[in-house]
């Protein structure tokens, strides 16, 4: 998972440099990226990246695989949160921008 964390930290550092309201944070004990105090992306314990795209996001209409993020054993997935696997890591930076755009509007 070392490569995943390095990539995540590079993406986060770029955003912090560009956007004054982007900061580091935590989500479920994992490293996260916040905008104005709200988490919009983080790295999951299994090394995938998780993005807040909102409840209206339809993963079926995307040209990549995003699955609803469900860290719970006995509950449903977190509404509006989607996980994108490391094999699709070339998309992580652009998807982080999409999640940032979403959180800025909401």
N, C-alpha and C. Protein backbone atom coordinates (compact mmCIF):
# COMPACT_ATOMS: atom_id res chain seq x y z
N UNK A 1 0.82 -1.20 0.00
CA UNK A 1 0.00 0.00 0.00
C UNK A 1 0.86 1.26 0.00
N UNK A 2 2.16 1.09 0.00
CA UNK A 2 3.06 2.23 0.03
C UNK A 2 2.89 3.14 -1.20
N UNK A 3 2.76 2.54 -2.38
CA UNK A 3 2.61 3.33 -3.61
C UNK A 3 1.32 4.16 -3.57
N UNK A 4 0.26 3.55 -3.06
CA UNK A 4 -1.03 4.24 -2.98
C UNK A 4 -0.93 5.47 -2.08
N UNK A 5 -0.31 5.29 -0.92
CA UNK A 5 -0.18 6.41 0.02
C UNK A 5 0.68 7.53 -0.57
N UNK A 6 1.75 7.17 -1.25
CA UNK A 6 2.62 8.18 -1.86
C UNK A 6 1.84 8.98 -2.89
N UNK A 7 1.10 8.29 -3.75
CA UNK A 7 0.31 8.98 -4.77
C UNK A 7 -0.74 9.87 -4.11
N UNK A 8 -1.44 9.36 -3.11
CA UNK A 8 -2.44 10.15 -2.40
C UNK A 8 -1.81 11.42 -1.82
N UNK A 9 -0.67 11.27 -1.17
CA UNK A 9 -0.01 12.42 -0.55
C UNK A 9 0.45 13.44 -1.59
N UNK A 10 0.87 12.99 -2.76
CA UNK A 10 1.24 13.91 -3.84
C UNK A 10 0.02 14.69 -4.33
N UNK A 11 -1.09 14.01 -4.53
CA UNK A 11 -2.32 14.67 -4.97
C UNK A 11 -2.76 15.69 -3.94
N UNK A 12 -2.73 15.30 -2.68
CA UNK A 12 -3.14 16.20 -1.60
C UNK A 12 -2.23 17.42 -1.51
N UNK A 13 -0.93 17.22 -1.62
CA UNK A 13 0.01 18.33 -1.54
C UNK A 13 -0.22 19.34 -2.66
N UNK A 14 -0.48 18.85 -3.88
CA UNK A 14 -0.75 19.75 -5.01
C UNK A 14 -1.98 20.60 -4.75
N UNK A 15 -3.02 19.97 -4.23
CA UNK A 15 -4.26 20.70 -3.97
C UNK A 15 -4.09 21.73 -2.86
N UNK A 16 -3.37 21.36 -1.82
CA UNK A 16 -3.14 22.29 -0.71
C UNK A 16 -2.38 23.52 -1.22
N UNK A 17 -1.46 23.30 -2.14
CA UNK A 17 -0.69 24.40 -2.71
C UNK A 17 -1.57 25.32 -3.57
N UNK A 18 -2.52 24.74 -4.31
CA UNK A 18 -3.37 25.50 -5.23
C UNK A 18 -4.58 26.15 -4.58
N UNK A 19 -5.17 25.47 -3.62
CA UNK A 19 -6.45 25.90 -3.04
C UNK A 19 -6.27 26.27 -1.56
N UNK A 20 -6.57 27.53 -1.23
CA UNK A 20 -6.29 27.98 0.13
C UNK A 20 -7.17 27.31 1.20
N UNK A 21 -8.34 26.81 0.86
CA UNK A 21 -9.22 26.17 1.84
C UNK A 21 -9.07 24.65 1.90
N UNK A 22 -8.13 24.10 1.13
CA UNK A 22 -7.87 22.65 1.17
C UNK A 22 -6.81 22.37 2.24
N UNK A 23 -7.13 21.39 3.08
CA UNK A 23 -6.23 21.02 4.18
C UNK A 23 -6.18 19.50 4.33
N UNK A 24 -5.29 19.04 5.19
CA UNK A 24 -5.22 17.63 5.53
C UNK A 24 -6.30 17.31 6.55
N UNK A 25 -6.61 16.05 6.68
CA UNK A 25 -7.60 15.65 7.67
C UNK A 25 -7.62 14.15 7.82
N UNK A 26 -8.62 13.67 8.53
CA UNK A 26 -8.81 12.24 8.77
C UNK A 26 -10.25 11.87 8.48
N UNK A 27 -10.44 10.66 7.99
CA UNK A 27 -11.77 10.09 7.79
C UNK A 27 -11.64 8.62 8.15
N UNK A 28 -12.36 8.20 9.17
CA UNK A 28 -12.30 6.81 9.62
C UNK A 28 -10.86 6.37 9.89
N UNK A 29 -10.10 7.20 10.53
CA UNK A 29 -8.70 6.96 10.89
C UNK A 29 -7.76 6.90 9.68
N UNK A 30 -8.24 7.26 8.50
CA UNK A 30 -7.40 7.28 7.30
C UNK A 30 -7.07 8.71 6.92
N UNK A 31 -5.99 8.88 6.19
CA UNK A 31 -5.60 10.20 5.70
C UNK A 31 -6.66 10.71 4.72
N UNK A 32 -6.99 12.00 4.85
CA UNK A 32 -8.05 12.57 4.03
C UNK A 32 -7.66 13.95 3.51
N UNK A 33 -8.50 14.44 2.59
CA UNK A 33 -8.35 15.80 2.05
C UNK A 33 -9.66 16.53 2.36
N UNK A 34 -9.52 17.74 2.95
CA UNK A 34 -10.68 18.52 3.34
C UNK A 34 -10.74 19.83 2.56
N UNK A 35 -11.95 20.30 2.36
CA UNK A 35 -12.17 21.64 1.82
C UNK A 35 -13.05 22.37 2.81
N UNK A 36 -12.55 23.47 3.34
CA UNK A 36 -13.31 24.29 4.28
C UNK A 36 -13.86 23.44 5.43
N UNK A 37 -13.04 22.50 5.90
CA UNK A 37 -13.40 21.67 7.04
C UNK A 37 -14.17 20.40 6.72
N UNK A 38 -14.52 20.17 5.45
CA UNK A 38 -15.30 19.00 5.06
C UNK A 38 -14.46 18.03 4.22
N UNK A 39 -14.44 16.78 4.62
CA UNK A 39 -13.70 15.76 3.88
C UNK A 39 -14.39 15.49 2.54
N UNK A 40 -13.60 15.43 1.46
CA UNK A 40 -14.16 15.10 0.15
C UNK A 40 -13.42 13.96 -0.54
N UNK A 41 -12.30 13.54 0.02
CA UNK A 41 -11.55 12.40 -0.54
C UNK A 41 -10.64 11.84 0.55
N UNK A 42 -10.45 10.53 0.50
CA UNK A 42 -9.51 9.90 1.44
C UNK A 42 -9.05 8.57 0.88
N UNK A 43 -8.01 8.04 1.50
CA UNK A 43 -7.48 6.75 1.08
C UNK A 43 -8.02 5.69 2.05
N UNK A 44 -8.61 4.66 1.51
CA UNK A 44 -9.21 3.63 2.37
C UNK A 44 -8.12 2.71 2.93
N UNK A 45 -8.50 1.94 3.91
CA UNK A 45 -7.54 1.03 4.54
C UNK A 45 -7.00 -0.03 3.58
N UNK A 46 -7.76 -0.31 2.50
CA UNK A 46 -7.30 -1.30 1.52
C UNK A 46 -6.53 -0.67 0.37
N UNK A 47 -6.22 0.64 0.47
CA UNK A 47 -5.38 1.28 -0.53
C UNK A 47 -6.10 1.83 -1.74
N UNK A 48 -7.41 1.91 -1.69
CA UNK A 48 -8.17 2.54 -2.77
C UNK A 48 -8.49 3.97 -2.36
N UNK A 49 -8.87 4.78 -3.32
CA UNK A 49 -9.23 6.15 -3.00
C UNK A 49 -10.74 6.26 -3.00
N UNK A 50 -11.25 7.04 -2.04
CA UNK A 50 -12.69 7.21 -1.86
C UNK A 50 -13.02 8.68 -2.05
N UNK A 51 -14.07 8.94 -2.83
CA UNK A 51 -14.45 10.30 -3.19
C UNK A 51 -15.90 10.58 -2.83
N UNK A 52 -16.17 11.81 -2.43
CA UNK A 52 -17.55 12.23 -2.21
C UNK A 52 -18.06 12.87 -3.49
N UNK A 53 -18.90 12.13 -4.20
CA UNK A 53 -19.50 12.61 -5.45
C UNK A 53 -20.96 12.97 -5.27
N UNK A 54 -21.54 12.63 -4.13
CA UNK A 54 -22.92 12.96 -3.85
C UNK A 54 -23.90 11.85 -4.19
N UNK A 55 -25.10 11.98 -3.65
CA UNK A 55 -26.13 10.95 -3.83
C UNK A 55 -26.62 10.85 -5.27
N UNK A 56 -26.50 11.93 -6.04
CA UNK A 56 -26.96 11.92 -7.43
C UNK A 56 -26.00 11.29 -8.41
N UNK A 57 -24.81 10.93 -7.95
CA UNK A 57 -23.79 10.34 -8.82
C UNK A 57 -24.21 8.92 -9.22
N UNK A 58 -24.12 8.62 -10.50
CA UNK A 58 -24.47 7.29 -10.99
C UNK A 58 -23.21 6.61 -11.53
N UNK A 59 -22.67 5.65 -10.78
CA UNK A 59 -21.43 5.00 -11.23
C UNK A 59 -21.60 4.23 -12.53
N UNK A 60 -22.82 3.83 -12.85
CA UNK A 60 -23.08 3.07 -14.08
C UNK A 60 -22.85 3.90 -15.34
N UNK A 61 -22.89 5.22 -15.22
CA UNK A 61 -22.73 6.08 -16.40
C UNK A 61 -21.28 6.53 -16.61
N UNK A 62 -20.39 6.05 -15.80
CA UNK A 62 -18.98 6.46 -15.88
C UNK A 62 -18.18 5.50 -16.75
N UNK A 63 -17.07 5.98 -17.28
CA UNK A 63 -16.22 5.10 -18.09
C UNK A 63 -15.08 4.49 -17.25
N UNK A 64 -15.28 4.46 -15.96
CA UNK A 64 -14.37 3.80 -15.02
C UNK A 64 -15.24 3.12 -13.96
N UNK A 65 -14.61 2.27 -13.16
CA UNK A 65 -15.37 1.53 -12.15
C UNK A 65 -15.29 2.25 -10.80
N UNK A 66 -16.45 2.71 -10.35
CA UNK A 66 -16.57 3.31 -9.02
C UNK A 66 -17.65 2.51 -8.28
N UNK A 67 -17.34 2.08 -7.08
CA UNK A 67 -18.30 1.31 -6.31
C UNK A 67 -18.70 2.08 -5.06
N UNK A 68 -19.96 1.96 -4.64
CA UNK A 68 -20.37 2.62 -3.40
C UNK A 68 -19.46 2.16 -2.26
N UNK A 69 -19.02 3.10 -1.46
CA UNK A 69 -18.08 2.79 -0.37
C UNK A 69 -18.85 2.29 0.84
N UNK A 70 -18.54 1.06 1.24
CA UNK A 70 -19.20 0.46 2.38
C UNK A 70 -18.17 -0.13 3.35
N UNK A 71 -17.79 0.64 4.37
CA UNK A 71 -16.81 0.14 5.34
C UNK A 71 -17.46 -0.65 6.48
N UNK A 72 -18.78 -0.77 6.46
CA UNK A 72 -19.50 -1.38 7.57
C UNK A 72 -19.85 -2.85 7.30
N UNK A 73 -19.97 -3.61 8.36
CA UNK A 73 -20.36 -5.01 8.23
C UNK A 73 -21.88 -5.16 8.22
N UNK A 74 -22.56 -4.33 8.99
CA UNK A 74 -24.00 -4.52 9.17
C UNK A 74 -24.84 -3.34 8.72
N UNK A 75 -24.28 -2.45 7.92
CA UNK A 75 -25.01 -1.28 7.42
C UNK A 75 -24.80 -1.19 5.92
N UNK A 76 -25.55 -0.30 5.31
CA UNK A 76 -25.37 -0.05 3.89
C UNK A 76 -24.20 0.88 3.65
N UNK A 77 -23.90 1.17 2.38
CA UNK A 77 -22.78 2.05 2.05
C UNK A 77 -23.02 3.48 2.51
N UNK A 78 -21.94 4.24 2.62
CA UNK A 78 -22.03 5.66 2.94
C UNK A 78 -22.65 6.38 1.74
N UNK A 79 -23.72 7.07 1.94
CA UNK A 79 -24.43 7.75 0.86
C UNK A 79 -23.54 8.80 0.20
N UNK A 80 -23.40 8.71 -1.11
CA UNK A 80 -22.65 9.70 -1.86
C UNK A 80 -21.15 9.48 -1.95
N UNK A 81 -20.65 8.43 -1.32
CA UNK A 81 -19.22 8.14 -1.32
C UNK A 81 -18.94 6.93 -2.22
N UNK A 82 -17.88 7.07 -3.06
CA UNK A 82 -17.56 6.02 -4.02
C UNK A 82 -16.07 5.73 -4.00
N UNK A 83 -15.76 4.44 -4.14
CA UNK A 83 -14.38 3.96 -4.07
C UNK A 83 -13.88 3.63 -5.48
N UNK A 84 -12.65 4.08 -5.77
CA UNK A 84 -12.01 3.79 -7.05
C UNK A 84 -10.70 3.07 -6.75
N UNK A 85 -10.53 1.90 -7.32
CA UNK A 85 -9.41 1.03 -6.98
C UNK A 85 -8.06 1.55 -7.47
N UNK A 86 -7.01 1.03 -6.86
CA UNK A 86 -5.65 1.43 -7.24
C UNK A 86 -5.31 1.11 -8.70
N UNK A 87 -5.78 0.00 -9.28
CA UNK A 87 -5.47 -0.22 -10.69
C UNK A 87 -5.95 0.92 -11.62
N UNK A 88 -6.84 1.76 -11.12
CA UNK A 88 -7.30 2.93 -11.89
C UNK A 88 -6.68 4.23 -11.36
N UNK A 89 -5.52 4.11 -10.71
CA UNK A 89 -4.91 5.26 -10.04
C UNK A 89 -4.60 6.44 -10.95
N UNK A 90 -4.48 6.18 -12.26
CA UNK A 90 -4.21 7.31 -13.18
C UNK A 90 -5.38 8.29 -13.20
N UNK A 91 -6.54 7.88 -12.71
CA UNK A 91 -7.72 8.75 -12.65
C UNK A 91 -7.84 9.50 -11.32
N UNK A 92 -7.10 9.09 -10.34
CA UNK A 92 -7.29 9.63 -8.99
C UNK A 92 -7.18 11.15 -8.92
N UNK A 93 -6.22 11.73 -9.60
CA UNK A 93 -6.04 13.19 -9.50
C UNK A 93 -7.24 13.93 -10.11
N UNK A 94 -7.69 13.50 -11.28
CA UNK A 94 -8.84 14.17 -11.89
C UNK A 94 -10.12 13.92 -11.09
N UNK A 95 -10.26 12.74 -10.51
CA UNK A 95 -11.44 12.46 -9.69
C UNK A 95 -11.42 13.26 -8.40
N UNK A 96 -10.23 13.52 -7.87
CA UNK A 96 -10.12 14.37 -6.69
C UNK A 96 -10.61 15.78 -7.03
N UNK A 97 -10.27 16.25 -8.22
CA UNK A 97 -10.76 17.57 -8.67
C UNK A 97 -12.28 17.57 -8.79
N UNK A 98 -12.84 16.49 -9.32
CA UNK A 98 -14.30 16.38 -9.43
C UNK A 98 -14.96 16.41 -8.05
N UNK A 99 -14.39 15.69 -7.11
CA UNK A 99 -14.94 15.66 -5.75
C UNK A 99 -14.82 17.05 -5.10
N UNK A 100 -13.72 17.74 -5.36
CA UNK A 100 -13.55 19.10 -4.85
C UNK A 100 -14.61 20.02 -5.44
N UNK A 101 -14.85 19.92 -6.71
CA UNK A 101 -15.90 20.74 -7.36
C UNK A 101 -17.25 20.46 -6.74
N UNK A 102 -17.52 19.18 -6.50
CA UNK A 102 -18.81 18.82 -5.89
C UNK A 102 -18.95 19.46 -4.51
N UNK A 103 -17.92 19.35 -3.67
CA UNK A 103 -18.03 19.85 -2.30
C UNK A 103 -18.11 21.38 -2.28
N UNK A 104 -17.48 22.03 -3.24
CA UNK A 104 -17.56 23.50 -3.31
C UNK A 104 -18.98 23.95 -3.62
N UNK A 105 -19.71 23.17 -4.38
CA UNK A 105 -21.07 23.54 -4.76
C UNK A 105 -22.11 23.17 -3.70
N UNK A 106 -21.74 22.36 -2.76
CA UNK A 106 -22.73 21.87 -1.78
C UNK A 106 -22.42 22.24 -0.35
